[in-house]
Amino acid sequence: MAIEDVGKIKYSGNVTVIEEQETMDDSGAVFRGIHSEVGRSLGGTIQKTLGALTNISYDASLLTTTSAADIDFSSGDYDGLTGNSATGIDFLFIAILSAVSTGTPDCTIEIGGADLMNLIGVGDFCILPLKNYSNAGARLAVYSSGATTVANVVVLIGSL
């Protein structure tokens, strides 16, 4: 019996709404805690089986530019999905790793010609479980808002 490689992605998210209240004694002290109306953190974790490891592409050194550029993994770290010709994308992860220029780095994510999400600052990220997205004729691209906000981003896509 042959051993087959299986590609899986485990991801999680957690959101906590923080409330700040200044003390009444004019000392400038601030109380920070979980927002009183929400009252808890929200989150979840799931693991998706993507099938083979070749259903994953990964690039940890993609630099944004000031105009939208297709995400292309051909020069990336791992190109199991043959880069920007991938069809059937079911998972997208993008995070800002570092600033490349002098300002706060940002990254706008464009899918199918529409700006979908804007990341701001080192460490900001997004996880998008997509459903069989095909970028043939509908680009999957990233860009920064200006020359001083260029970012080094990590991108991972997966296909079920």
N, C-alpha and C. Protein backbone atom coordinates (compact mmCIF):
# COMPACT_ATOMS: atom_id res chain seq x y z
N MET A 1 0.85 -1.18 0.00
CA MET A 1 0.00 0.00 0.00
C MET A 1 0.89 1.24 0.00
N ALA A 2 0.66 2.14 -0.92
CA ALA A 2 1.45 3.36 -1.03
C ALA A 2 0.97 4.41 -0.03
N ILE A 3 1.93 5.14 0.51
CA ILE A 3 1.61 6.25 1.41
C ILE A 3 1.41 7.50 0.58
N GLU A 4 0.32 8.20 0.77
CA GLU A 4 0.03 9.41 0.02
C GLU A 4 0.09 10.62 0.93
N ASP A 5 0.68 11.70 0.41
CA ASP A 5 0.71 12.95 1.16
C ASP A 5 -0.67 13.58 1.12
N VAL A 6 -1.09 14.11 2.25
CA VAL A 6 -2.38 14.79 2.34
C VAL A 6 -2.12 16.22 2.82
N GLY A 7 -2.73 17.18 2.16
CA GLY A 7 -2.62 18.57 2.56
C GLY A 7 -3.81 18.99 3.39
N LYS A 8 -3.55 19.52 4.58
CA LYS A 8 -4.61 20.02 5.45
C LYS A 8 -4.26 21.42 5.90
N ILE A 9 -5.27 22.21 6.15
CA ILE A 9 -5.08 23.55 6.72
C ILE A 9 -5.94 23.64 7.96
N LYS A 10 -5.31 23.97 9.09
CA LYS A 10 -6.04 24.21 10.33
C LYS A 10 -5.97 25.71 10.58
N TYR A 11 -7.12 26.32 10.75
CA TYR A 11 -7.11 27.76 11.00
C TYR A 11 -8.09 28.10 12.11
N SER A 12 -7.83 29.24 12.74
CA SER A 12 -8.68 29.69 13.82
C SER A 12 -8.73 31.20 13.84
N GLY A 13 -9.72 31.71 14.50
CA GLY A 13 -9.87 33.15 14.66
C GLY A 13 -10.46 33.46 16.02
N ASN A 14 -10.12 34.63 16.54
CA ASN A 14 -10.61 35.04 17.84
C ASN A 14 -10.79 36.55 17.83
N VAL A 15 -11.93 37.00 18.30
CA VAL A 15 -12.23 38.43 18.34
C VAL A 15 -12.68 38.79 19.75
N THR A 16 -12.05 39.81 20.32
CA THR A 16 -12.45 40.32 21.62
C THR A 16 -12.68 41.82 21.49
N VAL A 17 -13.87 42.27 21.80
CA VAL A 17 -14.18 43.70 21.75
C VAL A 17 -13.74 44.31 23.09
N ILE A 18 -12.85 45.29 23.02
CA ILE A 18 -12.30 45.93 24.22
C ILE A 18 -13.02 47.25 24.48
N GLU A 19 -13.31 47.49 25.73
CA GLU A 19 -13.95 48.73 26.15
C GLU A 19 -12.98 49.47 27.08
N GLU A 20 -12.82 50.76 26.89
CA GLU A 20 -11.99 51.58 27.77
C GLU A 20 -12.86 52.58 28.50
N GLN A 21 -12.64 52.71 29.79
CA GLN A 21 -13.37 53.70 30.59
C GLN A 21 -12.37 54.46 31.45
N GLU A 22 -12.46 55.77 31.41
CA GLU A 22 -11.59 56.60 32.24
C GLU A 22 -12.17 56.65 33.66
N THR A 23 -11.30 56.65 34.65
CA THR A 23 -11.76 56.71 36.03
C THR A 23 -12.36 58.08 36.32
N MET A 24 -13.20 58.16 37.31
CA MET A 24 -13.91 59.39 37.64
C MET A 24 -13.09 60.36 38.49
N ASP A 25 -11.91 59.98 38.95
CA ASP A 25 -11.15 60.83 39.87
C ASP A 25 -10.16 61.77 39.17
N ASP A 26 -10.27 61.93 37.87
CA ASP A 26 -9.41 62.82 37.08
C ASP A 26 -7.93 62.46 37.16
N SER A 27 -7.60 61.25 37.56
CA SER A 27 -6.19 60.85 37.62
C SER A 27 -5.65 60.43 36.26
N GLY A 28 -6.52 60.29 35.30
CA GLY A 28 -6.11 59.87 33.98
C GLY A 28 -6.02 58.36 33.83
N ALA A 29 -6.31 57.63 34.88
CA ALA A 29 -6.27 56.18 34.81
C ALA A 29 -7.40 55.67 33.92
N VAL A 30 -7.11 54.61 33.20
CA VAL A 30 -8.09 54.03 32.27
C VAL A 30 -8.26 52.56 32.60
N PHE A 31 -9.50 52.12 32.68
CA PHE A 31 -9.82 50.71 32.86
C PHE A 31 -10.08 50.11 31.49
N ARG A 32 -9.42 49.00 31.20
CA ARG A 32 -9.65 48.29 29.94
C ARG A 32 -10.16 46.91 30.25
N GLY A 33 -11.20 46.50 29.58
CA GLY A 33 -11.75 45.17 29.79
C GLY A 33 -12.61 44.76 28.61
N ILE A 34 -13.12 43.55 28.68
CA ILE A 34 -14.02 43.06 27.65
C ILE A 34 -15.27 43.92 27.65
N HIS A 35 -15.71 44.30 26.48
CA HIS A 35 -16.87 45.18 26.34
C HIS A 35 -18.07 44.62 27.11
N SER A 36 -18.70 45.47 27.89
CA SER A 36 -19.76 45.03 28.79
C SER A 36 -21.00 44.51 28.06
N GLU A 37 -21.27 44.99 26.86
CA GLU A 37 -22.44 44.53 26.12
C GLU A 37 -22.20 43.18 25.44
N VAL A 38 -20.95 42.97 24.96
CA VAL A 38 -20.63 41.70 24.29
C VAL A 38 -20.33 40.64 25.34
N GLY A 39 -19.48 40.99 26.30
CA GLY A 39 -19.25 40.15 27.46
C GLY A 39 -18.37 38.93 27.29
N ARG A 40 -17.81 38.70 26.10
CA ARG A 40 -16.95 37.54 25.92
C ARG A 40 -16.19 37.66 24.61
N SER A 41 -15.22 36.77 24.46
CA SER A 41 -14.51 36.66 23.19
C SER A 41 -15.28 35.71 22.28
N LEU A 42 -15.17 35.95 20.99
CA LEU A 42 -15.84 35.10 20.00
C LEU A 42 -14.76 34.46 19.14
N GLY A 43 -14.95 33.22 18.75
CA GLY A 43 -13.95 32.58 17.92
C GLY A 43 -14.33 31.17 17.51
N GLY A 44 -13.44 30.59 16.74
CA GLY A 44 -13.65 29.23 16.28
C GLY A 44 -12.39 28.67 15.65
N THR A 45 -12.35 27.37 15.49
CA THR A 45 -11.24 26.66 14.87
C THR A 45 -11.80 25.56 13.99
N ILE A 46 -11.17 25.36 12.84
CA ILE A 46 -11.59 24.28 11.94
C ILE A 46 -10.38 23.80 11.16
N GLN A 47 -10.44 22.57 10.71
CA GLN A 47 -9.40 22.02 9.86
C GLN A 47 -10.04 21.55 8.57
N LYS A 48 -9.44 21.94 7.43
CA LYS A 48 -9.95 21.51 6.13
C LYS A 48 -8.93 20.58 5.49
N THR A 49 -9.42 19.50 4.93
CA THR A 49 -8.57 18.60 4.17
C THR A 49 -8.61 19.04 2.72
N LEU A 50 -7.43 19.34 2.17
CA LEU A 50 -7.34 19.84 0.81
C LEU A 50 -7.04 18.74 -0.19
N GLY A 51 -6.86 17.53 0.28
CA GLY A 51 -6.48 16.45 -0.63
C GLY A 51 -4.97 16.32 -0.64
N ALA A 52 -4.36 16.52 -1.78
CA ALA A 52 -2.91 16.39 -1.93
C ALA A 52 -2.20 17.68 -1.51
N LEU A 53 -0.93 17.55 -1.15
CA LEU A 53 -0.12 18.73 -0.83
C LEU A 53 0.00 19.66 -2.03
N THR A 54 -0.14 19.12 -3.23
CA THR A 54 -0.06 19.95 -4.43
C THR A 54 -1.25 20.88 -4.57
N ASN A 55 -2.22 20.81 -3.67
CA ASN A 55 -3.36 21.71 -3.68
C ASN A 55 -3.10 22.96 -2.86
N ILE A 56 -1.83 23.24 -2.54
CA ILE A 56 -1.45 24.40 -1.74
C ILE A 56 -0.36 25.18 -2.46
N SER A 57 -0.46 26.50 -2.43
CA SER A 57 0.61 27.38 -2.89
C SER A 57 0.91 28.39 -1.79
N TYR A 58 2.19 28.75 -1.65
CA TYR A 58 2.64 29.56 -0.52
C TYR A 58 3.75 30.49 -0.97
N ASP A 59 3.66 31.76 -0.61
CA ASP A 59 4.71 32.73 -0.92
C ASP A 59 4.88 33.65 0.29
N ALA A 60 6.06 33.64 0.90
CA ALA A 60 6.33 34.45 2.09
C ALA A 60 7.15 35.69 1.77
N SER A 61 7.27 36.04 0.52
CA SER A 61 8.09 37.21 0.18
C SER A 61 7.48 38.02 -0.96
N LEU A 62 6.18 38.13 -0.98
CA LEU A 62 5.50 38.90 -2.01
C LEU A 62 5.47 40.37 -1.61
N LEU A 63 5.98 41.25 -2.46
CA LEU A 63 5.96 42.68 -2.19
C LEU A 63 4.81 43.32 -2.94
N THR A 64 4.04 44.14 -2.24
CA THR A 64 2.95 44.86 -2.89
C THR A 64 3.55 46.02 -3.69
N THR A 65 2.77 46.52 -4.62
CA THR A 65 3.14 47.72 -5.37
C THR A 65 1.95 48.68 -5.29
N THR A 66 2.07 49.83 -5.93
CA THR A 66 0.99 50.80 -5.86
C THR A 66 -0.11 50.54 -6.88
N SER A 67 0.07 49.56 -7.74
CA SER A 67 -1.01 49.17 -8.65
C SER A 67 -1.28 47.68 -8.47
N ALA A 68 -2.50 47.28 -8.70
CA ALA A 68 -2.90 45.88 -8.47
C ALA A 68 -2.06 44.94 -9.32
N ALA A 69 -1.50 43.95 -8.68
CA ALA A 69 -0.71 42.93 -9.36
C ALA A 69 -1.26 41.56 -9.01
N ASP A 70 -1.44 40.73 -10.03
CA ASP A 70 -1.94 39.38 -9.79
C ASP A 70 -1.02 38.65 -8.83
N ILE A 71 -1.60 37.88 -7.93
CA ILE A 71 -0.81 37.01 -7.08
C ILE A 71 -0.30 35.88 -7.95
N ASP A 72 1.01 35.75 -8.03
CA ASP A 72 1.65 34.75 -8.88
C ASP A 72 2.67 33.99 -8.04
N PHE A 73 2.49 32.71 -7.88
CA PHE A 73 3.35 31.92 -7.01
C PHE A 73 4.55 31.32 -7.74
N SER A 74 4.72 31.62 -9.02
CA SER A 74 5.78 30.98 -9.78
C SER A 74 7.17 31.27 -9.23
N SER A 75 7.33 32.37 -8.51
CA SER A 75 8.63 32.66 -7.88
C SER A 75 8.53 32.53 -6.36
N GLY A 76 7.48 31.91 -5.89
CA GLY A 76 7.25 31.79 -4.45
C GLY A 76 7.95 30.60 -3.82
N ASP A 77 7.60 30.34 -2.57
CA ASP A 77 8.23 29.27 -1.81
C ASP A 77 7.70 27.89 -2.19
N TYR A 78 6.41 27.79 -2.47
CA TYR A 78 5.82 26.51 -2.85
C TYR A 78 4.67 26.76 -3.80
N ASP A 79 4.73 26.17 -4.99
CA ASP A 79 3.76 26.46 -6.04
C ASP A 79 3.03 25.19 -6.46
N GLY A 80 2.31 24.59 -5.54
CA GLY A 80 1.57 23.38 -5.87
C GLY A 80 0.41 23.63 -6.82
N LEU A 81 -0.13 24.85 -6.85
CA LEU A 81 -1.30 25.14 -7.69
C LEU A 81 -0.95 25.85 -8.99
N THR A 82 0.30 25.87 -9.35
CA THR A 82 0.79 26.51 -10.57
C THR A 82 0.41 27.99 -10.66
N GLY A 83 0.61 28.68 -9.55
CA GLY A 83 0.55 30.13 -9.55
C GLY A 83 -0.78 30.75 -9.86
N ASN A 84 -0.71 31.88 -10.58
CA ASN A 84 -1.93 32.67 -10.77
C ASN A 84 -2.89 32.07 -11.78
N SER A 85 -2.61 30.88 -12.29
CA SER A 85 -3.58 30.22 -13.16
C SER A 85 -4.45 29.24 -12.37
N ALA A 86 -4.33 29.27 -11.04
CA ALA A 86 -5.08 28.32 -10.20
C ALA A 86 -6.58 28.52 -10.36
N THR A 87 -7.29 27.40 -10.41
CA THR A 87 -8.75 27.45 -10.41
C THR A 87 -9.24 26.66 -9.20
N GLY A 88 -10.42 26.96 -8.76
CA GLY A 88 -11.01 26.24 -7.65
C GLY A 88 -10.35 26.55 -6.32
N ILE A 89 -10.05 27.82 -6.06
CA ILE A 89 -9.43 28.20 -4.79
C ILE A 89 -10.50 28.21 -3.70
N ASP A 90 -10.22 27.48 -2.62
CA ASP A 90 -11.18 27.37 -1.52
C ASP A 90 -10.69 28.01 -0.23
N PHE A 91 -9.45 28.45 -0.20
CA PHE A 91 -8.89 29.02 1.03
C PHE A 91 -7.84 30.07 0.65
N LEU A 92 -7.91 31.24 1.31
CA LEU A 92 -6.94 32.31 1.09
C LEU A 92 -6.52 32.89 2.43
N PHE A 93 -5.22 32.98 2.64
CA PHE A 93 -4.66 33.63 3.83
C PHE A 93 -3.64 34.64 3.36
N ILE A 94 -3.73 35.88 3.86
CA ILE A 94 -2.77 36.94 3.56
C ILE A 94 -2.47 37.67 4.86
N ALA A 95 -1.18 37.94 5.12
CA ALA A 95 -0.78 38.70 6.30
C ALA A 95 0.36 39.63 5.94
N ILE A 96 0.42 40.81 6.58
CA ILE A 96 1.52 41.74 6.38
C ILE A 96 2.65 41.32 7.32
N LEU A 97 3.81 41.00 6.73
CA LEU A 97 4.97 40.57 7.51
C LEU A 97 5.84 41.74 7.94
N SER A 98 6.02 42.72 7.03
CA SER A 98 6.90 43.84 7.36
C SER A 98 6.64 45.01 6.42
N ALA A 99 7.13 46.18 6.83
CA ALA A 99 7.08 47.37 6.00
C ALA A 99 8.29 47.35 5.06
N VAL A 100 8.08 47.79 3.84
CA VAL A 100 9.17 47.87 2.87
C VAL A 100 9.60 49.32 2.71
N SER A 101 8.73 50.25 3.07
CA SER A 101 9.04 51.67 2.94
C SER A 101 8.83 52.36 4.28
N THR A 102 8.70 53.67 4.28
CA THR A 102 8.73 54.46 5.51
C THR A 102 7.41 54.56 6.27
N GLY A 103 6.28 54.37 5.61
CA GLY A 103 4.99 54.53 6.26
C GLY A 103 4.46 53.23 6.84
N THR A 104 3.27 53.31 7.41
CA THR A 104 2.59 52.12 7.91
C THR A 104 2.18 51.27 6.71
N PRO A 105 2.64 50.02 6.64
CA PRO A 105 2.33 49.21 5.46
C PRO A 105 0.85 48.88 5.37
N ASP A 106 0.34 48.82 4.14
CA ASP A 106 -1.04 48.39 3.93
C ASP A 106 -1.11 47.48 2.72
N CYS A 107 -2.20 46.77 2.62
CA CYS A 107 -2.38 45.82 1.53
C CYS A 107 -3.88 45.69 1.24
N THR A 108 -4.28 46.10 0.06
CA THR A 108 -5.66 45.91 -0.37
C THR A 108 -5.73 44.62 -1.17
N ILE A 109 -6.71 43.81 -0.88
CA ILE A 109 -6.92 42.54 -1.56
C ILE A 109 -8.05 42.72 -2.56
N GLU A 110 -7.76 42.44 -3.80
CA GLU A 110 -8.74 42.58 -4.88
C GLU A 110 -9.09 41.19 -5.39
N ILE A 111 -10.37 40.90 -5.44
CA ILE A 111 -10.84 39.63 -5.98
C ILE A 111 -11.90 39.92 -7.04
N GLY A 112 -11.65 39.44 -8.23
CA GLY A 112 -12.61 39.62 -9.32
C GLY A 112 -12.85 41.06 -9.67
N GLY A 113 -11.84 41.91 -9.53
CA GLY A 113 -11.96 43.32 -9.88
C GLY A 113 -12.54 44.20 -8.79
N ALA A 114 -12.90 43.63 -7.65
CA ALA A 114 -13.47 44.42 -6.55
C ALA A 114 -12.53 44.39 -5.35
N ASP A 115 -12.33 45.57 -4.74
CA ASP A 115 -11.54 45.64 -3.51
C ASP A 115 -12.33 44.99 -2.41
N LEU A 116 -11.78 43.91 -1.85
CA LEU A 116 -12.51 43.13 -0.87
C LEU A 116 -12.13 43.47 0.55
N MET A 117 -10.83 43.69 0.79
CA MET A 117 -10.36 43.88 2.16
C MET A 117 -9.11 44.73 2.14
N ASN A 118 -8.91 45.51 3.23
CA ASN A 118 -7.72 46.33 3.36
C ASN A 118 -7.04 45.98 4.68
N LEU A 119 -5.81 45.52 4.62
CA LEU A 119 -5.01 45.24 5.80
C LEU A 119 -4.14 46.44 6.10
N ILE A 120 -3.98 46.78 7.37
CA ILE A 120 -3.18 47.95 7.75
C ILE A 120 -2.27 47.58 8.91
N GLY A 121 -0.97 47.71 8.71
CA GLY A 121 0.00 47.50 9.77
C GLY A 121 0.57 46.09 9.81
N VAL A 122 1.80 46.00 10.32
CA VAL A 122 2.47 44.71 10.44
C VAL A 122 1.65 43.80 11.35
N GLY A 123 1.42 42.57 10.92
CA GLY A 123 0.66 41.60 11.70
C GLY A 123 -0.81 41.50 11.31
N ASP A 124 -1.33 42.51 10.61
CA ASP A 124 -2.74 42.43 10.20
C ASP A 124 -2.88 41.30 9.18
N PHE A 125 -4.00 40.60 9.20
CA PHE A 125 -4.16 39.44 8.33
C PHE A 125 -5.63 39.23 8.00
N CYS A 126 -5.87 38.35 7.04
CA CYS A 126 -7.23 37.92 6.76
C CYS A 126 -7.22 36.45 6.39
N ILE A 127 -8.28 35.77 6.75
CA ILE A 127 -8.52 34.38 6.38
C ILE A 127 -9.85 34.37 5.65
N LEU A 128 -9.83 33.91 4.40
CA LEU A 128 -11.06 33.88 3.62
C LEU A 128 -11.32 32.47 3.11
N PRO A 129 -12.28 31.77 3.69
CA PRO A 129 -12.69 30.50 3.12
C PRO A 129 -13.54 30.80 1.87
N LEU A 130 -13.00 30.58 0.71
CA LEU A 130 -13.70 30.84 -0.54
C LEU A 130 -14.38 29.55 -0.99
N LYS A 131 -15.19 29.64 -2.00
CA LYS A 131 -15.83 28.44 -2.52
C LYS A 131 -15.55 28.33 -4.01
N ASN A 132 -14.58 27.50 -4.33
CA ASN A 132 -14.27 27.19 -5.72
C ASN A 132 -14.03 28.43 -6.57
N TYR A 133 -13.31 29.43 -6.01
CA TYR A 133 -13.01 30.66 -6.74
C TYR A 133 -12.06 30.36 -7.89
N SER A 134 -12.36 30.86 -9.04
CA SER A 134 -11.49 30.71 -10.20
C SER A 134 -10.99 32.08 -10.62
N ASN A 135 -9.66 32.25 -10.67
CA ASN A 135 -9.14 33.55 -11.07
C ASN A 135 -8.83 33.62 -12.56
N ALA A 136 -9.32 32.69 -13.33
CA ALA A 136 -9.17 32.78 -14.77
C ALA A 136 -10.11 33.87 -15.27
N GLY A 137 -9.57 35.00 -15.65
CA GLY A 137 -10.37 36.13 -16.11
C GLY A 137 -10.89 37.01 -15.00
N ALA A 138 -10.76 36.61 -13.75
CA ALA A 138 -11.19 37.42 -12.60
C ALA A 138 -10.03 37.42 -11.61
N ARG A 139 -9.26 38.47 -11.60
CA ARG A 139 -7.97 38.47 -10.91
C ARG A 139 -8.07 38.38 -9.39
N LEU A 140 -7.06 37.75 -8.83
CA LEU A 140 -6.79 37.72 -7.40
C LEU A 140 -5.50 38.52 -7.26
N ALA A 141 -5.61 39.73 -6.68
CA ALA A 141 -4.48 40.66 -6.70
C ALA A 141 -4.35 41.39 -5.38
N VAL A 142 -3.18 41.99 -5.16
CA VAL A 142 -2.91 42.81 -3.98
C VAL A 142 -2.21 44.09 -4.41
N TYR A 143 -2.40 45.16 -3.61
CA TYR A 143 -1.67 46.40 -3.86
C TYR A 143 -1.66 47.25 -2.61
N SER A 144 -0.75 48.23 -2.58
CA SER A 144 -0.67 49.19 -1.47
C SER A 144 -1.18 50.54 -1.92
N SER A 145 -1.57 51.37 -0.96
CA SER A 145 -2.19 52.66 -1.28
C SER A 145 -1.21 53.70 -1.78
N GLY A 146 0.07 53.52 -1.54
CA GLY A 146 1.06 54.49 -2.00
C GLY A 146 2.47 53.98 -1.89
N ALA A 147 3.41 54.78 -2.37
CA ALA A 147 4.82 54.38 -2.38
C ALA A 147 5.41 54.24 -0.98
N THR A 148 4.84 54.92 0.00
CA THR A 148 5.39 54.83 1.36
C THR A 148 4.70 53.77 2.21
N THR A 149 3.74 53.02 1.63
CA THR A 149 3.00 52.01 2.40
C THR A 149 3.19 50.60 1.84
N VAL A 150 4.22 50.41 1.04
CA VAL A 150 4.49 49.10 0.44
C VAL A 150 4.77 48.07 1.53
N ALA A 151 4.27 46.85 1.34
CA ALA A 151 4.34 45.81 2.36
C ALA A 151 4.95 44.52 1.80
N ASN A 152 5.60 43.79 2.68
CA ASN A 152 6.00 42.42 2.40
C ASN A 152 4.90 41.55 3.00
N VAL A 153 4.24 40.74 2.17
CA VAL A 153 3.13 39.95 2.64
C VAL A 153 3.39 38.46 2.42
N VAL A 154 2.74 37.64 3.25
CA VAL A 154 2.74 36.19 3.05
C VAL A 154 1.35 35.82 2.54
N VAL A 155 1.33 34.95 1.53
CA VAL A 155 0.06 34.53 0.94
C VAL A 155 0.05 33.01 0.85
N LEU A 156 -1.07 32.41 1.23
CA LEU A 156 -1.26 30.97 1.10
C LEU A 156 -2.64 30.73 0.52
N ILE A 157 -2.69 29.93 -0.54
CA ILE A 157 -3.99 29.55 -1.10
C ILE A 157 -4.08 28.03 -1.09
N GLY A 158 -5.31 27.52 -1.03
CA GLY A 158 -5.54 26.09 -1.05
C GLY A 158 -6.77 25.75 -1.84
N SER A 159 -6.77 24.55 -2.39
CA SER A 159 -7.88 24.08 -3.18
C SER A 159 -8.32 22.72 -2.66
N LEU A 160 -9.62 22.54 -2.46
CA LEU A 160 -10.14 21.26 -1.98
C LEU A 160 -10.05 20.18 -3.02
